[in-house]
C-alpha atoms as a PDB file:
ATOM      1  CA  MET A   1      -0.067  -0.028  -0.113  1.00  0.00           C
ATOM      2  CA  THR A   2       1.194   3.563  -0.608  1.00  0.00           C
ATOM      3  CA  PRO A   3       1.263   5.940   2.475  1.00  0.00           C
ATOM      4  CA  GLU A   4      -1.887   7.490   1.115  1.00  0.00           C
ATOM      5  CA  LYS A   5      -3.766   4.286   1.147  1.00  0.00           C
ATOM      6  CA  VAL A   6      -2.430   3.195   4.643  1.00  0.00           C
ATOM      7  CA  ALA A   7      -3.403   6.589   6.037  1.00  0.00           C
ATOM      8  CA  ARG A   8      -6.935   6.230   4.538  1.00  0.00           C
ATOM      9  CA  ARG A   9      -7.394   2.737   6.014  1.00  0.00           C
ATOM     10  CA  ILE A  10      -6.567   3.937   9.511  1.00  0.00           C
ATOM     11  CA  ILE A  11      -8.999   6.817   9.230  1.00  0.00           C
ATOM     12  CA  GLU A  12     -11.553   4.352   7.842  1.00  0.00           C
ATOM     13  CA  LEU A  13     -11.058   1.595  10.563  1.00  0.00           C
ATOM     14  CA  PHE A  14     -10.603   4.097  13.528  1.00  0.00           C
ATOM     15  CA  PRO A  15     -12.861   7.072  12.960  1.00  0.00           C
ATOM     16  CA  ARG A  16     -12.820   9.880  15.501  1.00  0.00           C
ATOM     17  CA  THR A  17     -14.727  12.939  15.315  1.00  0.00           C
ATOM     18  CA  SER A  18     -15.010  15.987  17.873  1.00  0.00           C
ATOM     19  CA  LYS A  19     -18.612  16.735  18.923  1.00  0.00           C
ATOM     20  CA  ASP A  20     -17.420  20.188  20.260  1.00  0.00           C
ATOM     21  CA  ARG A  21     -15.958  22.602  17.690  1.00  0.00           C
ATOM     22  CA  ASP A  22     -16.076  25.823  19.715  1.00  0.00           C
ATOM     23  CA  PRO A  23     -12.408  27.045  19.324  1.00  0.00           C
ATOM     24  CA  PHE A  24     -12.023  28.154  22.839  1.00  0.00           C
ATOM     25  CA  ARG A  25     -13.312  25.067  24.304  1.00  0.00           C
ATOM     26  CA  VAL A  26     -11.262  22.926  22.003  1.00  0.00           C
ATOM     27  CA  LEU A  27      -8.143  24.820  22.818  1.00  0.00           C
ATOM     28  CA  ILE A  28      -8.638  24.550  26.643  1.00  0.00           C
ATOM     29  CA  LYS A  29      -9.609  20.859  26.335  1.00  0.00           C
ATOM     30  CA  THR A  30      -6.409  20.184  24.361  1.00  0.00           C
ATOM     31  CA  ILE A  31      -4.325  22.026  27.193  1.00  0.00           C
ATOM     32  CA  LEU A  32      -6.136  19.760  29.691  1.00  0.00           C
ATOM     33  CA  SER A  33      -5.437  16.499  27.735  1.00  0.00           C
ATOM     34  CA  GLN A  34      -1.821  16.642  28.048  1.00  0.00           C
ATOM     35  CA  ARG A  35      -0.217  13.674  29.759  1.00  0.00           C
ATOM     36  CA  THR A  36      -3.664  12.206  30.739  1.00  0.00           C
ATOM     37  CA  ARG A  37      -6.316   9.840  29.533  1.00  0.00           C
ATOM     38  CA  ASP A  38      -9.290  10.990  27.304  1.00  0.00           C
ATOM     39  CA  GLU A  39     -11.727  10.019  30.213  1.00  0.00           C
ATOM     40  CA  ASN A  40     -10.030  12.268  32.634  1.00  0.00           C
ATOM     41  CA  THR A  41      -9.935  15.165  30.049  1.00  0.00           C
ATOM     42  CA  ASP A  42     -13.554  14.828  29.563  1.00  0.00           C
ATOM     43  CA  GLU A  43     -14.392  15.010  33.274  1.00  0.00           C
ATOM     44  CA  ALA A  44     -12.026  17.998  33.852  1.00  0.00           C
ATOM     45  CA  SER A  45     -13.461  19.924  30.963  1.00  0.00           C
ATOM     46  CA  LYS A  46     -17.071  19.100  31.949  1.00  0.00           C
ATOM     47  CA  ARG A  47     -16.490  20.401  35.405  1.00  0.00           C
ATOM     48  CA  LEU A  48     -14.521  23.505  34.175  1.00  0.00           C
ATOM     49  CA  PHE A  49     -17.064  24.602  31.695  1.00  0.00           C
ATOM     50  CA  SER A  50     -20.054  24.103  33.984  1.00  0.00           C
ATOM     51  CA  ARG A  51     -18.609  26.837  36.166  1.00  0.00           C
ATOM     52  CA  TYR A  52     -16.699  28.949  33.437  1.00  0.00           C
ATOM     53  CA  LYS A  53     -18.579  29.476  30.217  1.00  0.00           C
ATOM     54  CA  THR A  54     -16.511  32.027  28.365  1.00  0.00           C
ATOM     55  CA  VAL A  55     -12.976  33.321  27.729  1.00  0.00           C
ATOM     56  CA  GLU A  56     -13.901  36.453  29.800  1.00  0.00           C
ATOM     57  CA  ASP A  57     -14.949  34.121  32.876  1.00  0.00           C
ATOM     58  CA  LEU A  58     -11.619  32.381  32.829  1.00  0.00           C
ATOM     59  CA  ALA A  59      -9.719  35.478  32.326  1.00  0.00           C
ATOM     60  CA  ARG A  60     -11.173  36.952  35.479  1.00  0.00           C
ATOM     61  CA  ALA A  61     -10.429  33.716  37.419  1.00  0.00           C
ATOM     62  CA  SER A  62      -7.384  32.693  39.472  1.00  0.00           C
ATOM     63  CA  PRO A  63      -5.475  29.537  38.894  1.00  0.00           C
ATOM     64  CA  GLU A  64      -6.493  28.543  42.508  1.00  0.00           C
ATOM     65  CA  ASP A  65     -10.079  28.733  41.465  1.00  0.00           C
ATOM     66  CA  LEU A  66      -9.500  25.891  38.888  1.00  0.00           C
ATOM     67  CA  TYR A  67      -7.712  23.369  40.946  1.00  0.00           C
ATOM     68  CA  ASP A  68     -10.595  21.235  42.284  1.00  0.00           C
ATOM     69  CA  LEU A  69     -12.524  21.574  38.777  1.00  0.00           C
ATOM     70  CA  ILE A  70      -9.504  20.229  36.707  1.00  0.00           C
ATOM     71  CA  LYS A  71      -7.942  17.802  39.256  1.00  0.00           C
ATOM     72  CA  PRO A  72      -9.135  14.750  37.344  1.00  0.00           C
ATOM     73  CA  ALA A  73      -6.693  15.802  34.486  1.00  0.00           C
ATOM     74  CA  GLY A  74      -3.639  15.751  36.554  1.00  0.00           C
ATOM     75  CA  MET A  75      -0.960  18.255  36.770  1.00  0.00           C
ATOM     76  CA  TYR A  76      -3.760  20.735  37.682  1.00  0.00           C
ATOM     77  CA  ARG A  77      -1.669  23.493  39.115  1.00  0.00           C
ATOM     78  CA  GLN A  78       0.351  23.915  35.932  1.00  0.00           C
ATOM     79  CA  LYS A  79      -2.692  23.514  33.775  1.00  0.00           C
ATOM     80  CA  ALA A  80      -4.596  25.984  35.767  1.00  0.00           C
ATOM     81  CA  ALA A  81      -2.049  28.618  35.453  1.00  0.00           C
ATOM     82  CA  ARG A  82      -1.725  27.965  31.686  1.00  0.00           C
ATOM     83  CA  ILE A  83      -5.324  28.099  31.080  1.00  0.00           C
ATOM     84  CA  ILE A  84      -5.605  31.476  32.947  1.00  0.00           C
ATOM     85  CA  GLU A  85      -2.670  32.836  30.926  1.00  0.00           C
ATOM     86  CA  VAL A  86      -3.942  31.795  27.624  1.00  0.00           C
ATOM     87  CA  SER A  87      -7.446  33.207  28.433  1.00  0.00           C
ATOM     88  CA  ARG A  88      -5.956  36.498  29.486  1.00  0.00           C
ATOM     89  CA  LYS A  89      -3.908  36.748  26.150  1.00  0.00           C
ATOM     90  CA  ILE A  90      -6.631  35.892  23.955  1.00  0.00           C
ATOM     91  CA  LEU A  91      -8.872  38.630  25.665  1.00  0.00           C
ATOM     92  CA  LYS A  92      -6.098  41.225  25.479  1.00  0.00           C
ATOM     93  CA  ASP A  93      -4.410  40.550  22.085  1.00  0.00           C
ATOM     94  CA  PHE A  94      -7.157  38.981  20.191  1.00  0.00           C
ATOM     95  CA  SER A  95     -10.349  40.596  21.264  1.00  0.00           C
ATOM     96  CA  GLY A  96     -11.455  37.483  23.035  1.00  0.00           C
ATOM     97  CA  LYS A  97     -11.285  35.421  19.762  1.00  0.00           C
ATOM     98  CA  VAL A  98      -9.230  32.433  19.483  1.00  0.00           C
ATOM     99  CA  PRO A  99      -6.892  32.913  16.368  1.00  0.00           C
ATOM    100  CA  ASP A 100      -7.411  30.952  13.196  1.00  0.00           C
ATOM    101  CA  ASN A 101      -3.850  30.675  12.177  1.00  0.00           C
ATOM    102  CA  LEU A 102      -0.865  28.887  13.140  1.00  0.00           C
ATOM    103  CA  GLU A 103       1.489  32.010  13.658  1.00  0.00           C
ATOM    104  CA  ASP A 104      -1.043  33.553  16.265  1.00  0.00           C
ATOM    105  CA  LEU A 105      -2.028  30.443  18.023  1.00  0.00           C
ATOM    106  CA  THR A 106       1.506  29.551  18.760  1.00  0.00           C
ATOM    107  CA  LYS A 107       1.941  32.978  20.233  1.00  0.00           C
ATOM    108  CA  LEU A 108      -0.392  31.822  23.101  1.00  0.00           C
ATOM    109  CA  PRO A 109       1.519  30.650  26.395  1.00  0.00           C
ATOM    110  CA  GLY A 110       2.529  27.139  26.011  1.00  0.00           C
ATOM    111  CA  VAL A 111       0.644  26.435  22.779  1.00  0.00           C
ATOM    112  CA  GLY A 112       2.930  24.419  20.474  1.00  0.00           C
ATOM    113  CA  ARG A 113       2.237  23.283  16.830  1.00  0.00           C
ATOM    114  CA  LYS A 114       0.288  20.007  17.988  1.00  0.00           C
ATOM    115  CA  THR A 115      -2.187  22.039  20.024  1.00  0.00           C
ATOM    116  CA  ALA A 116      -2.493  24.718  17.438  1.00  0.00           C
ATOM    117  CA  ASN A 117      -2.974  22.174  14.676  1.00  0.00           C
ATOM    118  CA  ILE A 118      -5.672  20.369  16.572  1.00  0.00           C
ATOM    119  CA  VAL A 119      -7.641  23.737  16.878  1.00  0.00           C
ATOM    120  CA  LEU A 120      -7.020  24.680  13.267  1.00  0.00           C
ATOM    121  CA  TRP A 121      -8.633  21.447  12.185  1.00  0.00           C
ATOM    122  CA  VAL A 122     -11.422  20.677  14.638  1.00  0.00           C
ATOM    123  CA  SER A 123     -12.586  24.203  15.023  1.00  0.00           C
ATOM    124  CA  PHE A 124     -11.640  25.902  11.631  1.00  0.00           C
ATOM    125  CA  LYS A 125     -11.607  22.935   9.377  1.00  0.00           C
ATOM    126  CA  LYS A 126      -8.179  24.154   8.063  1.00  0.00           C
ATOM    127  CA  PRO A 127      -5.692  21.267   6.709  1.00  0.00           C
ATOM    128  CA  ALA A 128      -3.224  20.751   9.491  1.00  0.00           C
ATOM    129  CA  ILE A 129      -1.462  17.456  10.994  1.00  0.00           C
ATOM    130  CA  ALA A 130      -1.307  17.369  14.675  1.00  0.00           C
ATOM    131  CA  VAL A 131       1.600  15.179  15.574  1.00  0.00           C
ATOM    132  CA  ASP A 132       1.463  13.765  19.162  1.00  0.00           C
ATOM    133  CA  THR A 133       3.124  10.716  20.505  1.00  0.00           C
ATOM    134  CA  HIS A 134       0.729   8.364  18.925  1.00  0.00           C
ATOM    135  CA  VAL A 135       1.215   9.798  15.255  1.00  0.00           C
ATOM    136  CA  HIS A 136       4.951  10.018  15.641  1.00  0.00           C
ATOM    137  CA  ARG A 137       5.175   6.395  17.054  1.00  0.00           C
ATOM    138  CA  ILE A 138       2.774   4.755  14.654  1.00  0.00           C
ATOM    139  CA  SER A 139       4.130   6.689  11.437  1.00  0.00           C
ATOM    140  CA  ASN A 140       7.668   5.407  12.214  1.00  0.00           C
ATOM    141  CA  ARG A 141       6.603   1.928  13.202  1.00  0.00           C
ATOM    142  CA  LEU A 142       4.571   1.441   9.949  1.00  0.00           C
ATOM    143  CA  GLY A 143       7.535   2.751   8.052  1.00  0.00           C
ATOM    144  CA  LEU A 144       5.664   5.827   6.604  1.00  0.00           C
ATOM    145  CA  VAL A 145       8.426   7.997   7.851  1.00  0.00           C
ATOM    146  CA  GLU A 146      11.945   7.818   9.379  1.00  0.00           C
ATOM    147  CA  THR A 147      12.083  10.569  11.978  1.00  0.00           C
ATOM    148  CA  LYS A 148      13.427  11.292  15.354  1.00  0.00           C
ATOM    149  CA  LYS A 149      11.147  14.252  16.482  1.00  0.00           C
ATOM    150  CA  PRO A 150       7.363  14.929  16.162  1.00  0.00           C
ATOM    151  CA  GLU A 151       8.063  18.130  14.278  1.00  0.00           C
ATOM    152  CA  GLU A 152       9.984  16.124  11.595  1.00  0.00           C
ATOM    153  CA  THR A 153       7.211  13.650  11.350  1.00  0.00           C
ATOM    154  CA  GLU A 154       4.663  16.432  10.787  1.00  0.00           C
ATOM    155  CA  VAL A 155       6.774  17.788   7.792  1.00  0.00           C
ATOM    156  CA  SER A 156       7.286  14.413   6.371  1.00  0.00           C
ATOM    157  CA  LEU A 157       3.596  13.475   6.572  1.00  0.00           C
ATOM    158  CA  MET A 158       2.632  16.717   4.964  1.00  0.00           C
ATOM    159  CA  LYS A 159       4.853  15.770   1.907  1.00  0.00           C
ATOM    160  CA  ILE A 160       3.457  12.384   1.383  1.00  0.00           C
ATOM    161  CA  LEU A 161      -0.244  12.634   2.139  1.00  0.00           C
ATOM    162  CA  PRO A 162      -3.073  14.755   0.597  1.00  0.00           C
ATOM    163  CA  ARG A 163      -4.133  17.732   2.516  1.00  0.00           C
ATOM    164  CA  SER A 164      -7.625  16.107   2.786  1.00  0.00           C
ATOM    165  CA  LEU A 165      -6.149  13.539   5.105  1.00  0.00           C
ATOM    166  CA  TRP A 166      -4.237  15.834   7.379  1.00  0.00           C
ATOM    167  CA  GLY A 167      -6.948  16.727   9.817  1.00  0.00           C
ATOM    168  CA  PRO A 168      -8.622  13.257  10.354  1.00  0.00           C
ATOM    169  CA  LEU A 169      -5.282  11.412  10.806  1.00  0.00           C
ATOM    170  CA  ASN A 170      -4.500  12.603  14.300  1.00  0.00           C
ATOM    171  CA  GLY A 171      -7.714  11.521  15.784  1.00  0.00           C
ATOM    172  CA  SER A 172      -7.780   8.056  14.025  1.00  0.00           C
ATOM    173  CA  MET A 173      -4.186   7.314  14.937  1.00  0.00           C
ATOM    174  CA  VAL A 174      -4.919   8.155  18.505  1.00  0.00           C
ATOM    175  CA  GLU A 175      -7.748   5.590  18.452  1.00  0.00           C
ATOM    176  CA  PHE A 176      -5.327   3.105  16.683  1.00  0.00           C
ATOM    177  CA  GLY A 177      -2.709   3.679  19.212  1.00  0.00           C
ATOM    178  CA  ARG A 178      -5.019   3.279  22.194  1.00  0.00           C
ATOM    179  CA  ARG A 179      -6.619  -0.065  20.800  1.00  0.00           C
ATOM    180  CA  ILE A 180      -3.939  -1.773  18.870  1.00  0.00           C
ATOM    181  CA  CYS A 181      -0.652  -0.061  18.356  1.00  0.00           C
ATOM    182  CA  LYS A 182       0.079   0.623  21.941  1.00  0.00           C
ATOM    183  CA  PRO A 183       3.529   2.060  23.029  1.00  0.00           C
ATOM    184  CA  GLN A 184       4.264  -1.169  24.850  1.00  0.00           C
ATOM    185  CA  SER A 185       3.271  -4.697  23.673  1.00  0.00           C
ATOM    186  CA  PRO A 186       1.420  -3.550  20.428  1.00  0.00           C
ATOM    187  CA  LYS A 187      -1.286  -6.125  19.488  1.00  0.00           C
ATOM    188  CA  CYS A 188       0.424  -7.022  16.191  1.00  0.00           C
ATOM    189  CA  SER A 189      -1.506 -10.289  15.993  1.00  0.00           C
ATOM    190  CA  ILE A 190      -4.898  -8.765  15.401  1.00  0.00           C
ATOM    191  CA  CYS A 191      -3.592  -5.525  13.745  1.00  0.00           C
ATOM    192  CA  PRO A 192      -5.378  -5.034  10.366  1.00  0.00           C
ATOM    193  CA  LEU A 193      -2.308  -3.310   9.029  1.00  0.00           C
ATOM    194  CA  LYS A 194       0.454  -5.756  10.000  1.00  0.00           C
ATOM    195  CA  ASN A 195       1.111  -6.727   6.539  1.00  0.00           C
ATOM    196  CA  GLU A 196       2.061  -2.961   5.769  1.00  0.00           C
ATOM    197  CA  CYS A 197       3.998  -2.568   8.950  1.00  0.00           C
ATOM    198  CA  ASP A 198       7.792  -2.422   9.012  1.00  0.00           C
ATOM    199  CA  TYR A 199       7.889  -3.094  12.761  1.00  0.00           C
ATOM    200  CA  TYR A 200       5.819  -6.299  12.339  1.00  0.00           C
ATOM    201  CA  HIS A 201       8.025  -7.534   9.410  1.00  0.00           C
ATOM    202  CA  ARG A 202      11.156  -6.986  11.505  1.00  0.00           C
ATOM    203  CA  LEU A 203       9.497  -8.714  14.687  1.00  0.00           C
ATOM    204  CA  ARG A 204       8.634 -11.718  12.341  1.00  0.00           C
ATOM    205  CA  ALA A 205      12.019 -11.948  10.933  1.00  0.00           C
ATOM    206  CA  SER A 206      13.888 -11.803  14.382  1.00  0.00           C
ATOM    207  CA  LYS A 207      11.532 -14.556  15.785  1.00  0.00           C
ATOM    208  CA  SER A 208      12.131 -16.666  12.586  1.00  0.00           C
ATOM    209  CA  LYS A 209      16.004 -16.204  13.137  1.00  0.00           C
ATOM    210  CA  GLU A 210      15.684 -17.127  16.821  1.00  0.00           C
ATOM    211  CA  ASN A 211      13.728 -20.405  15.946  1.00  0.00           C
ATOM    212  CA  SER A 212      15.919 -21.455  13.186  1.00  0.00           C
ATOM    213  CA  PRO A 213      18.151 -24.492  13.913  1.00  0.00           C
ATOM    214  CA  GLY A 214      21.759 -23.890  14.509  1.00  0.00           C
END
């Protein structure tokens, strides 16, 4: 399969869509999602937005006000401080509106390319590849790219995939990574893409060598 066909297959088999497209909520939820599980992010987001509805509400809050609300997401002190910082900058520099371009999004405190690209795709439907640990790991395992850093993976994928696949790929690879292509002990035996996977072929070759006589 070509890289495009592999990517399409992942998107087809592991579809993932976001129900909430509001730019501010997507941005804050992405900040909360760092280094935690989806269910923890969902719980923290639900609690936070039940109390604070708008960017203005959060800009007026203090980090301490958020601790109990976002505690399920972990690292709540750092995330609370970041959420307040981001809210205040959006209010001050962007008239309360989340920017719809990469340059301005990455001017927000602690917002890198991954977070910015998620907002661009989910909220504004602009072609963007958000490369997190799942996308970086899986792309290299499959042999779609040979890169050391997520930033390099983003650039490489943009070169080999059509723009129409950039946005959906992140969510689908996250699902694929959670269910099949796990960081440790990937479930290669039931993987629908194992025949297209460099990692699987190397694994088979290694086991065959180990089991060969002499």
